Amino acid sequence: MGTKALKDILTRVETWPEAAQEEAVASLLAIEEELRSPYPLTEADKQAIDRGLQAARKGEFATDAEVEAVLAKYRRG
């Protein structure tokens, strides 16, 4: 979905009943707030970040082949 689809739906929203428009606005504001709020890190997240930083300081990086293997696992056919 791109900018055109977004503009199209927003134009149609203007024709909706007022209560539906208010609900649409509330939904969009909630999404925006979620995007602006920092992601709350768990203790496990913080430990994983620390391990990654320590590995980087030691020069321990994944090889191109290792990265490609992970990407291939999650790519869609």
C-alpha atoms as a PDB file:
ATOM      1  CA  MET A   1       0.000   0.000   0.000  1.00  0.00           C
ATOM      2  CA  GLY A   2       1.380   3.351  -0.914  1.00  0.00           C
ATOM      3  CA  THR A   3       0.721   7.043  -0.667  1.00  0.00           C
ATOM      4  CA  LYS A   4      -1.980   6.958  -3.339  1.00  0.00           C
ATOM      5  CA  ALA A   5      -3.988   4.315  -1.464  1.00  0.00           C
ATOM      6  CA  LEU A   6      -3.669   6.342   1.724  1.00  0.00           C
ATOM      7  CA  LYS A   7      -4.814   9.537   0.018  1.00  0.00           C
ATOM      8  CA  ASP A   8      -7.719   7.679  -1.595  1.00  0.00           C
ATOM      9  CA  ILE A   9      -9.021   6.282   1.708  1.00  0.00           C
ATOM     10  CA  LEU A  10      -8.590   9.630   3.473  1.00  0.00           C
ATOM     11  CA  THR A  11     -10.666  11.277   0.746  1.00  0.00           C
ATOM     12  CA  ARG A  12     -13.393   8.667   1.225  1.00  0.00           C
ATOM     13  CA  VAL A  13     -13.237   9.083   5.006  1.00  0.00           C
ATOM     14  CA  GLU A  14     -14.439  12.644   4.510  1.00  0.00           C
ATOM     15  CA  THR A  15     -17.749  11.214   3.269  1.00  0.00           C
ATOM     16  CA  TRP A  16     -18.260   8.946   6.285  1.00  0.00           C
ATOM     17  CA  PRO A  17     -20.601   9.811   9.152  1.00  0.00           C
ATOM     18  CA  GLU A  18     -19.003  12.012  11.798  1.00  0.00           C
ATOM     19  CA  ALA A  19     -18.795   9.226  14.393  1.00  0.00           C
ATOM     20  CA  ALA A  20     -16.908   7.009  11.932  1.00  0.00           C
ATOM     21  CA  GLN A  21     -14.567   9.895  11.073  1.00  0.00           C
ATOM     22  CA  GLU A  22     -13.835  10.417  14.772  1.00  0.00           C
ATOM     23  CA  GLU A  23     -13.068   6.725  15.154  1.00  0.00           C
ATOM     24  CA  ALA A  24     -10.717   6.866  12.142  1.00  0.00           C
ATOM     25  CA  VAL A  25      -8.911   9.884  13.608  1.00  0.00           C
ATOM     26  CA  ALA A  26      -8.584   8.168  16.992  1.00  0.00           C
ATOM     27  CA  SER A  27      -7.145   5.071  15.320  1.00  0.00           C
ATOM     28  CA  LEU A  28      -4.609   7.067  13.320  1.00  0.00           C
ATOM     29  CA  LEU A  29      -3.574   9.060  16.383  1.00  0.00           C
ATOM     30  CA  ALA A  30      -3.072   5.824  18.329  1.00  0.00           C
ATOM     31  CA  ILE A  31      -0.867   4.439  15.549  1.00  0.00           C
ATOM     32  CA  GLU A  32       1.137   7.650  15.427  1.00  0.00           C
ATOM     33  CA  GLU A  33       1.637   7.642  19.195  1.00  0.00           C
ATOM     34  CA  GLU A  34       2.837   4.045  19.072  1.00  0.00           C
ATOM     35  CA  LEU A  35       5.337   4.923  16.346  1.00  0.00           C
ATOM     36  CA  ARG A  36       6.664   7.898  18.320  1.00  0.00           C
ATOM     37  CA  SER A  37       7.014   6.101  21.627  1.00  0.00           C
ATOM     38  CA  PRO A  38      10.305   4.417  22.383  1.00  0.00           C
ATOM     39  CA  TYR A  39      10.290   0.644  22.329  1.00  0.00           C
ATOM     40  CA  PRO A  40      10.458  -0.627  25.919  1.00  0.00           C
ATOM     41  CA  LEU A  41      13.478  -2.911  26.208  1.00  0.00           C
ATOM     42  CA  THR A  42      13.257  -5.989  28.366  1.00  0.00           C
ATOM     43  CA  GLU A  43      16.179  -7.127  30.456  1.00  0.00           C
ATOM     44  CA  ALA A  44      16.797  -9.873  27.869  1.00  0.00           C
ATOM     45  CA  ASP A  45      16.859  -7.220  25.105  1.00  0.00           C
ATOM     46  CA  LYS A  46      19.429  -5.186  27.036  1.00  0.00           C
ATOM     47  CA  GLN A  47      21.606  -8.244  27.593  1.00  0.00           C
ATOM     48  CA  ALA A  48      21.445  -9.144  23.897  1.00  0.00           C
ATOM     49  CA  ILE A  49      22.487  -5.611  22.948  1.00  0.00           C
ATOM     50  CA  ASP A  50      25.389  -5.739  25.384  1.00  0.00           C
ATOM     51  CA  ARG A  51      26.528  -9.097  23.942  1.00  0.00           C
ATOM     52  CA  GLY A  52      26.364  -7.656  20.435  1.00  0.00           C
ATOM     53  CA  LEU A  53      28.368  -4.582  21.411  1.00  0.00           C
ATOM     54  CA  GLN A  54      31.006  -6.712  23.122  1.00  0.00           C
ATOM     55  CA  ALA A  55      31.274  -8.950  20.057  1.00  0.00           C
ATOM     56  CA  ALA A  56      31.612  -5.891  17.787  1.00  0.00           C
ATOM     57  CA  ARG A  57      34.395  -4.476  19.974  1.00  0.00           C
ATOM     58  CA  LYS A  58      36.226  -7.797  19.568  1.00  0.00           C
ATOM     59  CA  GLY A  59      35.740  -7.676  15.798  1.00  0.00           C
ATOM     60  CA  GLU A  60      33.413 -10.669  15.817  1.00  0.00           C
ATOM     61  CA  PHE A  61      31.125 -10.189  12.852  1.00  0.00           C
ATOM     62  CA  ALA A  62      29.033 -12.573  10.773  1.00  0.00           C
ATOM     63  CA  THR A  63      30.481 -13.555   7.426  1.00  0.00           C
ATOM     64  CA  ASP A  64      28.681 -12.669   4.213  1.00  0.00           C
ATOM     65  CA  ALA A  65      27.715 -16.333   3.856  1.00  0.00           C
ATOM     66  CA  GLU A  66      26.230 -16.408   7.388  1.00  0.00           C
ATOM     67  CA  VAL A  67      24.216 -13.268   6.746  1.00  0.00           C
ATOM     68  CA  GLU A  68      22.973 -14.630   3.420  1.00  0.00           C
ATOM     69  CA  ALA A  69      21.916 -17.894   5.097  1.00  0.00           C
ATOM     70  CA  VAL A  70      19.790 -16.014   7.631  1.00  0.00           C
ATOM     71  CA  LEU A  71      18.265 -13.756   4.981  1.00  0.00           C
ATOM     72  CA  ALA A  72      17.482 -16.731   2.745  1.00  0.00           C
ATOM     73  CA  LYS A  73      15.668 -18.395   5.627  1.00  0.00           C
ATOM     74  CA  TYR A  74      13.219 -15.493   5.934  1.00  0.00           C
ATOM     75  CA  ARG A  75      12.886 -14.425   2.299  1.00  0.00           C
ATOM     76  CA  ARG A  76       9.696 -15.179   0.506  1.00  0.00           C
ATOM     77  CA  GLY A  77      10.028 -17.407  -2.547  1.00  0.00           C
END
